[in-house]
């Protein structure tokens, strides 16, 4: 037992230094949206309405495509573990081609936003601002996907601080630039919500340029032979390999994001107060989610490197230790928020009606956050073995089927016998918790099966002679 404890502590000591920069960087990216919301809220209600729809449209497009590009991470992680550094550098070139290829349909969808306009049923003045914002933010999409390739590569080679430094720097640039473009000053006209899109595009292209310079000049990247003759030609087998892993990865991320975000659309039918309470609760659990996501990313990186090095026993050990540590942290954070939820909600609002709407939802926070942590940690660890298709099926049935579909049935009392206490927003949260629990259970059991199969194959393989 003492030996296992020592091993557990040693693995946690490897995970945490890789996890905290990922967490800090993701918080910085979330604050991009917070900056836009605060600035536009003080500009005009019409622009704020356009931002709400436009940001949702951009996130929907970007998140799915980003998930595909991030397939470079587990592939590079295995190559890095095998010390095939030039091959890892080649994968980054192919990820750049993939990012540019995916950016084309993504930009067209944002530049011609009729589907989003129809879905939102926006008024003419909101629609006019929405078109301007989406056209500006479309210019940010290629840069965002290129930066995702940089992020995936660096996380895979245990350099998350290189990503975090740029993400935090981007936030520092974004704040004054967005304020200038939204409200105007001197010769710069006030662009309102369009200024948010323009500022994001400028910042993201700035980050891509800096990332390129860092990789050119930092001697750490020299063994990867990334530079020398410009961007290498597209290698279709390598791109196909990334797509084979990336498409189900992107689909899983898209299901997870849309399954949770769509709750707001349905809850809004119950009135402004329930959706306001939901928004506060959703923001809190979204912030909590970044912790297990960061820990899962770090665990996946170490496991992929061990797989590439042929140290499969070490890969299995760090995978389970990472999941155990993530579960422990999730229980602590969820419990802490449960007992302090009233004080935390009052940091958002002093409106007693909204406080009363949010508190019952956060009563589920321990179970919700624990299930959320377990599902993301297991899914990320499975990617270390380049497994993403089965998780996609599990996500679709549990999060869209049980969570969103079940939530709709419970919240709107489709059967006619749902208790009043479970109807409305609370019904969506109960079903969403159940959906996340089903995803966590399915993914964890599947991971256990995969690792057990691997262990049995090792035992059946005779040891080499000599």
Protein backbone atom coordinates (compact mmCIF):
# COMPACT_ATOMS: atom_id res chain seq x y z
CA UNK A 1 0.00 0.00 0.00
CA UNK A 2 2.85 2.38 0.87
CA UNK A 3 4.46 1.64 -2.52
CA UNK A 4 1.23 2.48 -4.32
CA UNK A 5 0.91 5.69 -2.33
CA UNK A 6 4.45 6.69 -3.28
CA UNK A 7 3.71 5.96 -6.95
CA UNK A 8 0.44 7.90 -6.75
CA UNK A 9 2.16 10.95 -5.28
CA UNK A 10 4.93 10.76 -7.86
CA UNK A 11 2.45 10.71 -10.74
CA UNK A 12 0.42 13.57 -9.26
CA UNK A 13 3.66 15.55 -8.95
CA UNK A 14 4.15 15.03 -12.72
CA UNK A 15 0.54 15.91 -13.59
CA UNK A 16 0.09 19.15 -11.65
CA UNK A 17 2.97 21.12 -13.32
CA UNK A 18 1.44 20.31 -16.72
CA UNK A 19 -2.12 20.99 -15.61
CA UNK A 20 -1.99 24.41 -13.99
CA UNK A 21 -0.72 26.29 -17.08
CA UNK A 22 -3.52 24.70 -19.13
CA UNK A 23 -6.02 25.86 -16.50
CA UNK A 24 -4.63 29.41 -16.42
CA UNK A 25 -4.58 29.65 -20.20
CA UNK A 26 -8.17 28.42 -20.55
CA UNK A 27 -9.35 30.94 -17.95
CA UNK A 28 -7.66 33.67 -19.99
CA UNK A 29 -9.53 32.51 -23.11
CA UNK A 30 -12.86 32.50 -21.26
CA UNK A 31 -12.16 36.05 -20.10
CA UNK A 32 -12.02 37.10 -23.77
CA UNK A 33 -15.79 36.58 -23.87
CA UNK A 34 -16.24 38.24 -20.48
CA UNK A 35 -14.41 41.36 -21.69
CA UNK A 36 -16.66 41.56 -24.76
CA UNK A 37 -19.82 41.08 -22.71
CA UNK A 38 -18.97 43.77 -20.16
CA UNK A 39 -17.93 46.32 -22.80
CA UNK A 40 -20.93 45.75 -25.08
CA UNK A 41 -23.37 45.69 -22.15
CA UNK A 42 -22.32 49.27 -21.45
CA UNK A 43 -22.66 50.24 -25.11
CA UNK A 44 -26.18 49.20 -26.15
CA UNK A 45 -28.78 46.51 -25.53
CA UNK A 46 -29.13 45.84 -29.27
CA UNK A 47 -25.40 45.18 -29.63
CA UNK A 48 -25.50 42.94 -26.56
CA UNK A 49 -28.28 40.88 -28.14
CA UNK A 50 -26.20 40.56 -31.33
CA UNK A 51 -23.18 39.49 -29.26
CA UNK A 52 -25.18 36.79 -27.47
CA UNK A 53 -26.25 35.16 -30.73
CA UNK A 54 -22.97 35.85 -32.55
CA UNK A 55 -20.78 34.46 -29.80
CA UNK A 56 -22.91 31.31 -29.63
CA UNK A 57 -22.60 30.89 -33.41
CA UNK A 58 -18.83 31.38 -33.34
CA UNK A 59 -18.31 29.00 -30.43
CA UNK A 60 -20.44 26.33 -32.12
CA UNK A 61 -18.35 26.53 -35.30
CA UNK A 62 -14.98 27.02 -33.62
CA UNK A 63 -15.29 24.37 -30.91
CA UNK A 64 -16.14 21.58 -33.32
CA UNK A 65 -13.34 22.48 -35.76
CA UNK A 66 -10.85 23.03 -32.94
CA UNK A 67 -11.56 19.52 -31.64
CA UNK A 68 -10.54 18.12 -35.04
CA UNK A 69 -7.28 20.11 -35.13
CA UNK A 70 -6.38 19.05 -31.58
CA UNK A 71 -6.01 15.47 -32.83
CA UNK A 72 -2.40 16.49 -33.37
CA UNK A 73 -1.84 16.33 -29.58
CA UNK A 74 -2.12 12.57 -28.89
CA UNK A 75 -0.31 11.75 -32.15
CA UNK A 76 2.59 14.06 -31.35
CA UNK A 77 2.57 12.87 -27.72
CA UNK A 78 3.19 9.29 -28.81
CA UNK A 79 5.90 10.32 -31.28
CA UNK A 80 7.56 12.49 -28.63
CA UNK A 81 7.55 9.58 -26.18
CA UNK A 82 9.17 7.41 -28.86
CA UNK A 83 11.77 10.19 -29.42
CA UNK A 84 10.76 10.48 -33.08
CA UNK A 85 11.08 14.23 -32.94
CA UNK A 86 11.27 15.04 -36.64
CA UNK A 87 8.16 12.95 -37.25
CA UNK A 88 6.43 14.94 -34.49
CA UNK A 89 7.44 18.18 -36.23
CA UNK A 90 6.04 16.84 -39.51
CA UNK A 91 2.68 16.27 -37.79
CA UNK A 92 2.55 19.96 -36.87
CA UNK A 93 2.93 20.91 -40.55
CA UNK A 94 0.02 18.61 -41.43
CA UNK A 95 -2.05 20.08 -38.58
CA UNK A 96 -1.47 23.53 -40.10
CA UNK A 97 -2.82 22.30 -43.45
CA UNK A 98 -5.79 20.73 -41.65
CA UNK A 99 -6.48 23.98 -39.77
CA UNK A 100 -6.39 26.02 -42.98
CA UNK A 101 -8.61 23.53 -44.78
CA UNK A 102 -11.21 23.50 -42.01
CA UNK A 103 -11.13 27.29 -41.72
CA UNK A 104 -12.54 27.69 -45.24
CA UNK A 105 -16.01 26.18 -44.65
CA UNK A 106 -16.05 27.65 -41.14
CA UNK A 107 -15.42 31.17 -42.44
CA UNK A 108 -18.06 30.78 -45.14
CA UNK A 109 -20.62 29.69 -42.55
CA UNK A 110 -19.87 32.73 -40.39
CA UNK A 111 -19.69 35.18 -43.30
CA UNK A 112 -23.07 34.01 -44.63
CA UNK A 113 -24.99 33.51 -41.38
CA UNK A 114 -28.52 32.90 -42.65
CA UNK A 115 -28.91 29.67 -40.60
CA UNK A 116 -28.06 31.51 -37.39
CA UNK A 117 -30.32 34.42 -38.26
CA UNK A 118 -33.21 32.04 -38.89
CA UNK A 119 -32.58 30.17 -35.65
CA UNK A 120 -32.41 33.31 -33.55
CA UNK A 121 -35.33 35.08 -35.28
CA UNK A 122 -33.43 38.34 -34.69
CA UNK A 123 -34.95 41.75 -35.31
CA UNK A 124 -33.63 43.69 -38.35
CA UNK A 125 -31.38 45.97 -36.29
CA UNK A 126 -29.96 43.07 -34.27
CA UNK A 127 -29.47 41.08 -37.48
CA UNK A 128 -27.52 43.95 -39.08
CA UNK A 129 -25.11 44.12 -36.14
CA UNK A 130 -24.92 40.34 -36.00
CA UNK A 131 -23.82 40.15 -39.64
CA UNK A 132 -21.06 42.69 -39.01
CA UNK A 133 -19.83 40.86 -35.92
CA UNK A 134 -19.80 37.45 -37.61
CA UNK A 135 -17.96 38.82 -40.64
CA UNK A 136 -15.28 40.26 -38.36
CA UNK A 137 -15.04 37.15 -36.19
CA UNK A 138 -14.78 34.98 -39.32
CA UNK A 139 -11.39 36.61 -39.85
CA UNK A 140 -10.34 35.31 -36.43
CA UNK A 141 -11.29 31.69 -37.17
CA UNK A 142 -8.21 30.69 -39.24
CA UNK A 143 -5.93 32.19 -36.61
CA UNK A 144 -7.83 30.44 -33.83
CA UNK A 145 -7.45 27.06 -35.56
CA UNK A 146 -3.75 27.66 -36.28
CA UNK A 147 -3.25 28.54 -32.63
CA UNK A 148 -5.07 25.32 -31.69
CA UNK A 149 -2.41 23.40 -33.66
CA UNK A 150 0.31 25.27 -31.74
CA UNK A 151 -1.48 24.56 -28.48
CA UNK A 152 -1.94 20.85 -29.21
CA UNK A 153 1.69 20.42 -30.26
CA UNK A 154 3.12 22.21 -27.22
CA UNK A 155 0.89 20.43 -24.73
CA UNK A 156 1.94 17.11 -26.27
CA UNK A 157 5.64 17.85 -25.76
CA UNK A 158 5.11 19.04 -22.16
CA UNK A 159 5.36 22.78 -22.94
CA UNK A 160 1.99 24.10 -21.73
CA UNK A 161 3.60 27.24 -20.30
CA UNK A 162 4.49 28.33 -23.84
CA UNK A 163 0.77 28.26 -24.66
CA UNK A 164 -0.34 29.87 -21.39
CA UNK A 165 2.08 32.79 -21.81
CA UNK A 166 0.55 33.68 -25.16
CA UNK A 167 -3.04 33.20 -23.99
CA UNK A 168 -2.52 35.51 -21.00
CA UNK A 169 -0.67 38.02 -23.20
CA UNK A 170 -3.58 37.92 -25.62
CA UNK A 171 -5.99 38.84 -22.84
CA UNK A 172 -3.77 41.78 -21.83
CA UNK A 173 -3.85 43.05 -25.44
CA UNK A 174 -7.53 42.30 -25.92
CA UNK A 175 -8.85 44.45 -23.06
CA UNK A 176 -7.66 47.93 -24.18
CA UNK A 177 -8.04 47.12 -27.88
CA UNK A 178 -11.63 45.97 -27.50
CA UNK A 179 -12.46 48.98 -25.31
CA UNK A 180 -11.07 51.30 -28.00
CA UNK A 181 -12.92 49.65 -30.87
CA UNK A 182 -16.25 49.17 -29.07
CA UNK A 183 -16.56 52.68 -27.60
CA UNK A 184 -14.23 54.61 -29.91
CA UNK A 185 -11.80 57.38 -29.02
CA UNK A 186 -10.39 60.30 -31.02
CA UNK A 187 -10.25 59.37 -34.71
CA UNK A 188 -11.31 55.75 -33.97
CA UNK A 189 -15.10 55.39 -34.44
CA UNK A 190 -17.25 53.42 -32.01
CA UNK A 191 -17.96 50.06 -33.65
CA UNK A 192 -20.03 48.48 -30.90
CA UNK A 193 -20.30 44.71 -31.14
CA UNK A 194 -18.37 44.71 -34.44
CA UNK A 195 -15.41 46.08 -32.49
CA UNK A 196 -15.41 42.90 -30.40
CA UNK A 197 -15.01 40.77 -33.51
CA UNK A 198 -12.32 43.01 -34.99
CA UNK A 199 -10.33 43.07 -31.75
CA UNK A 200 -10.51 39.28 -31.40
CA UNK A 201 -9.31 38.81 -34.98
CA UNK A 202 -6.38 41.21 -34.50
CA UNK A 203 -5.35 39.59 -31.21
CA UNK A 204 -5.56 36.03 -32.55
CA UNK A 205 -3.44 36.82 -35.62
CA UNK A 206 -0.97 38.58 -33.35
CA UNK A 207 -0.74 35.42 -31.21
CA UNK A 208 -0.19 33.25 -34.28
CA UNK A 209 2.65 35.51 -35.42
CA UNK A 210 4.28 35.45 -31.97
CA UNK A 211 3.87 31.65 -31.76
CA UNK A 212 5.62 31.31 -35.13
CA UNK A 213 8.50 33.50 -33.93
CA UNK A 214 8.81 31.57 -30.66
CA UNK A 215 9.06 28.25 -32.46
CA UNK A 216 11.62 29.66 -34.90
CA UNK A 217 13.89 31.14 -32.24
CA UNK A 218 13.58 28.86 -29.20
CA UNK A 219 16.29 26.14 -29.35
CA UNK A 220 13.88 23.68 -27.72
CA UNK A 221 12.12 23.25 -31.09
CA UNK A 222 15.28 22.72 -33.18
CA UNK A 223 15.28 18.88 -32.88
CA UNK A 224 11.77 18.80 -34.36
CA UNK A 225 13.09 20.29 -37.64
CA UNK A 226 9.93 22.37 -37.99
CA UNK A 227 11.58 25.15 -39.99
CA UNK A 228 13.94 25.12 -42.92
CA UNK A 229 12.01 25.10 -46.18
CA UNK A 230 8.73 26.77 -45.29
CA UNK A 231 5.46 24.91 -44.88
CA UNK A 232 5.91 21.35 -46.08
CA UNK A 233 3.55 19.93 -48.70
CA UNK A 234 0.32 18.37 -47.50
CA UNK A 235 0.81 14.66 -46.80
CA UNK A 236 -2.60 13.12 -47.27
CA UNK A 237 -2.03 9.89 -45.27
CA UNK A 238 -0.94 11.99 -42.25
CA UNK A 239 -3.90 14.35 -42.66
CA UNK A 240 -6.23 11.36 -43.00
CA UNK A 241 -4.80 9.92 -39.77
CA UNK A 242 -5.46 13.20 -37.97
CA UNK A 243 -8.97 13.35 -39.39
CA UNK A 244 -9.70 9.76 -38.35
CA UNK A 245 -8.99 10.73 -34.76
CA UNK A 246 -10.02 14.39 -34.97
CA UNK A 247 -13.52 14.07 -36.44
CA UNK A 248 -14.89 11.99 -33.54
CA UNK A 249 -12.93 14.20 -31.11
CA UNK A 250 -14.51 17.32 -32.58
CA UNK A 251 -17.92 15.65 -32.56
CA UNK A 252 -17.56 14.74 -28.89
CA UNK A 253 -16.59 18.28 -27.93
CA UNK A 254 -19.45 19.70 -29.98
CA UNK A 255 -21.98 17.35 -28.35
CA UNK A 256 -20.72 18.24 -24.89
CA UNK A 257 -20.83 21.99 -25.52
CA UNK A 258 -24.16 22.08 -27.36
CA UNK A 259 -25.80 19.63 -24.94
CA UNK A 260 -25.14 22.00 -22.07
CA UNK A 261 -25.54 25.30 -23.93
CA UNK A 262 -28.87 24.28 -25.46
CA UNK A 263 -30.42 24.09 -22.00
CA UNK A 264 -30.51 27.89 -21.94
CA UNK A 265 -32.68 28.04 -25.08
CA UNK A 266 -35.32 25.76 -23.55
CA UNK A 267 -35.14 27.19 -20.03
CA UNK A 268 -35.73 30.68 -21.46
CA UNK A 269 -39.27 29.53 -22.30
CA UNK A 270 -40.02 29.51 -18.56
CA UNK A 271 -39.23 33.23 -18.30
CA UNK A 272 -36.38 35.63 -17.61
CA UNK A 273 -35.91 34.67 -13.94
CA UNK A 274 -35.34 30.91 -14.45
CA UNK A 275 -32.86 31.48 -17.28
CA UNK A 276 -31.02 34.12 -15.22
CA UNK A 277 -30.67 31.63 -12.37
CA UNK A 278 -29.54 28.98 -14.83
CA UNK A 279 -26.95 31.34 -16.32
CA UNK A 280 -25.33 31.93 -12.93
CA UNK A 281 -25.26 28.23 -12.09
CA UNK A 282 -23.96 27.37 -15.57
CA UNK A 283 -21.17 29.93 -15.32
CA UNK A 284 -20.04 28.52 -11.98
CA UNK A 285 -19.92 24.89 -13.10
CA UNK A 286 -18.20 25.97 -16.33
CA UNK A 287 -15.44 27.58 -14.29
CA UNK A 288 -15.14 24.45 -12.15
CA UNK A 289 -14.98 22.31 -15.30
CA UNK A 290 -11.68 23.87 -16.32
CA UNK A 291 -9.91 22.16 -13.41
CA UNK A 292 -10.67 18.53 -14.41
CA UNK A 293 -10.18 19.44 -18.06
CA UNK A 294 -6.68 20.70 -17.28
CA UNK A 295 -5.88 17.65 -15.15
CA UNK A 296 -7.24 15.34 -17.86
CA UNK A 297 -5.14 17.05 -20.52
CA UNK A 298 -2.00 16.67 -18.43
CA UNK A 299 -2.76 13.01 -17.68
CA UNK A 300 -3.45 12.31 -21.35
CA UNK A 301 -0.15 13.95 -22.35
CA UNK A 302 1.89 11.80 -19.95
CA UNK A 303 0.01 8.63 -20.92
CA UNK A 304 0.51 9.29 -24.66
CA UNK A 305 4.22 9.87 -24.16
CA UNK A 306 4.50 6.58 -22.23
CA UNK A 307 2.56 4.74 -24.96
CA UNK A 308 4.95 6.12 -27.56
CA UNK A 309 7.93 5.04 -25.48
CA UNK A 310 6.52 1.51 -25.23
CA UNK A 311 6.12 1.87 -21.46
CA UNK A 312 2.52 0.64 -21.46
CA UNK A 313 2.50 -0.30 -17.80
CA UNK A 314 3.57 3.24 -16.89
CA UNK A 315 0.90 4.63 -19.24
CA UNK A 316 -1.82 2.63 -17.50
CA UNK A 317 -0.57 3.62 -14.06
CA UNK A 318 -0.43 7.36 -14.75
CA UNK A 319 -3.84 7.17 -16.45
CA UNK A 320 -5.55 5.71 -13.39
CA UNK A 321 -3.67 7.89 -10.95
CA UNK A 322 -4.64 10.96 -12.94
CA UNK A 323 -8.30 9.96 -12.99
CA UNK A 324 -8.24 9.22 -9.24
CA UNK A 325 -6.67 12.60 -8.50
CA UNK A 326 -9.19 14.36 -10.76
CA UNK A 327 -12.06 12.62 -8.95
CA UNK A 328 -10.68 13.68 -5.56
CA UNK A 329 -10.25 17.31 -6.61
CA UNK A 330 -13.75 17.33 -8.13
CA UNK A 331 -15.30 16.08 -4.89
CA UNK A 332 -13.49 18.74 -2.88
CA UNK A 333 -14.40 21.61 -5.22
CA UNK A 334 -18.00 20.46 -5.67
CA UNK A 335 -18.50 20.09 -1.93
CA UNK A 336 -16.92 23.48 -1.26
CA UNK A 337 -19.25 25.18 -3.75
CA UNK A 338 -22.27 23.33 -2.34
CA UNK A 339 -21.70 24.70 1.18
CA UNK A 340 -20.82 28.21 0.00
CA UNK A 341 -23.30 28.44 -2.88
CA UNK A 342 -25.50 31.16 -1.43
CA UNK A 343 -22.59 33.51 -0.79
CA UNK A 344 -21.11 32.79 -4.22
CA UNK A 345 -24.42 33.42 -6.02
CA UNK A 346 -24.75 36.76 -4.21
CA UNK A 347 -21.44 37.79 -5.77
CA UNK A 348 -23.30 37.69 -9.10
CA UNK A 349 -26.54 39.37 -8.05
CA UNK A 350 -28.39 40.89 -5.11
CA UNK A 351 -31.77 40.20 -6.70
CA UNK A 352 -33.44 37.82 -4.24
CA UNK A 353 -35.68 36.35 -6.93
CA UNK A 354 -32.71 35.36 -9.11
CA UNK A 355 -30.81 34.06 -6.08
CA UNK A 356 -33.79 31.87 -5.25
CA UNK A 357 -33.83 30.58 -8.84
CA UNK A 358 -30.12 29.71 -8.88
CA UNK A 359 -29.73 28.02 -5.49
CA UNK A 360 -31.88 24.91 -6.17
CA UNK A 361 -29.87 24.25 -9.33
CA UNK A 362 -26.59 24.38 -7.44
CA UNK A 363 -27.93 21.84 -4.95
CA UNK A 364 -26.90 19.31 -7.63
CA UNK A 365 -23.40 20.73 -7.99
CA UNK A 366 -21.50 17.94 -6.16
CA UNK A 367 -22.95 15.17 -8.32
CA UNK A 368 -22.93 17.30 -11.47
CA UNK A 369 -19.30 18.37 -11.15
CA UNK A 370 -18.06 14.92 -10.11
CA UNK A 371 -19.74 13.30 -13.13
CA UNK A 372 -18.46 16.09 -15.39
CA UNK A 373 -14.91 15.62 -14.10
CA UNK A 374 -14.95 11.85 -14.53
CA UNK A 375 -16.29 11.94 -18.08
CA UNK A 376 -13.80 14.51 -19.37
CA UNK A 377 -10.83 12.86 -17.63
CA UNK A 378 -11.71 9.42 -19.04
CA UNK A 379 -12.36 10.79 -22.54
CA UNK A 380 -9.06 12.67 -22.61
CA UNK A 381 -7.10 9.67 -21.34
CA UNK A 382 -8.65 7.46 -24.03
CA UNK A 383 -7.27 9.86 -26.63
CA UNK A 384 -3.76 8.97 -25.44
CA UNK A 385 -4.44 5.58 -27.05
CA UNK A 386 -6.00 7.36 -30.10
CA UNK A 387 -9.49 6.17 -29.20
CA UNK A 388 -12.30 8.63 -29.90
CA UNK A 389 -15.09 6.91 -31.85
CA UNK A 390 -16.62 4.92 -28.98
CA UNK A 391 -16.56 8.01 -26.71
CA UNK A 392 -18.47 9.89 -29.46
CA UNK A 393 -21.25 7.26 -29.36
CA UNK A 394 -21.33 7.37 -25.55
CA UNK A 395 -21.56 11.17 -25.61
CA UNK A 396 -24.37 11.23 -28.16
CA UNK A 397 -26.55 8.75 -26.26
CA UNK A 398 -25.89 10.08 -22.76
CA UNK A 399 -25.53 13.87 -23.15
CA UNK A 400 -27.87 14.47 -26.08
CA UNK A 401 -30.21 11.55 -25.44
CA UNK A 402 -30.50 11.21 -21.67
CA UNK A 403 -29.32 14.68 -20.69
CA UNK A 404 -30.91 17.06 -23.19
CA UNK A 405 -33.77 14.87 -24.43
CA UNK A 406 -34.56 13.58 -20.95
CA UNK A 407 -34.33 17.09 -19.56
CA UNK A 408 -36.86 18.35 -22.08
CA UNK A 409 -39.26 15.53 -21.19
CA UNK A 410 -38.92 16.13 -17.44
CA UNK A 411 -38.86 19.93 -17.49
CA UNK A 412 -41.94 20.22 -19.69
CA UNK A 413 -43.71 17.27 -18.03
CA UNK A 414 -44.34 15.45 -21.31
CA UNK A 415 -45.51 12.32 -19.50
CA UNK A 416 -47.96 14.26 -17.34
CA UNK A 417 -46.78 12.69 -14.06
CA UNK A 418 -43.49 14.51 -13.33
CA UNK A 419 -43.47 15.98 -9.79
CA UNK A 420 -43.75 19.75 -9.72
CA UNK A 421 -40.39 19.98 -7.91
CA UNK A 422 -38.62 18.53 -10.98
CA UNK A 423 -40.34 20.60 -13.64
CA UNK A 424 -38.79 23.71 -15.16
CA UNK A 425 -35.07 24.50 -15.03
CA UNK A 426 -34.51 21.99 -12.24
CA UNK A 427 -35.65 19.18 -14.53
CA UNK A 428 -32.95 20.03 -17.05
CA UNK A 429 -30.28 20.01 -14.35
CA UNK A 430 -31.43 16.68 -12.94
CA UNK A 431 -31.42 15.09 -16.39
CA UNK A 432 -28.13 16.72 -17.33
CA UNK A 433 -26.55 15.34 -14.16
CA UNK A 434 -27.90 11.89 -15.04
CA UNK A 435 -26.56 12.22 -18.60
CA UNK A 436 -23.11 13.22 -17.39
CA UNK A 437 -23.19 10.37 -14.87
CA UNK A 438 -24.02 7.90 -17.65
CA UNK A 439 -21.21 9.31 -19.81
CA UNK A 440 -18.75 9.12 -16.91
CA UNK A 441 -19.72 5.54 -16.12
CA UNK A 442 -19.63 4.45 -19.77
CA UNK A 443 -16.29 6.11 -20.51
CA UNK A 444 -14.63 4.89 -17.31
CA UNK A 445 -15.78 1.30 -17.83
CA UNK A 446 -14.69 1.42 -21.46
CA UNK A 447 -11.26 2.75 -20.45
CA UNK A 448 -10.94 -0.05 -17.88
CA UNK A 449 -11.83 -2.60 -20.58
CA UNK A 450 -9.29 -1.14 -23.05
CA UNK A 451 -6.49 -1.20 -20.48
CA UNK A 452 -7.40 -4.70 -19.30
CA UNK A 453 -7.32 -5.97 -22.90
CA UNK A 454 -3.93 -4.37 -23.35
CA UNK A 455 -2.62 -5.95 -20.16
CA UNK A 456 -3.87 -9.39 -21.20
CA UNK A 457 -2.19 -9.05 -24.61
CA UNK A 458 1.08 -8.24 -22.87
CA UNK A 459 0.80 -11.31 -20.68
CA UNK A 460 0.04 -13.50 -23.70
CA UNK A 461 3.08 -12.17 -25.60
CA UNK A 462 6.19 -14.23 -24.81
CA UNK A 463 9.16 -12.27 -23.50
CA UNK A 464 12.06 -11.83 -25.97
CA UNK A 465 14.84 -14.35 -25.65
CA UNK A 466 18.13 -13.40 -24.05
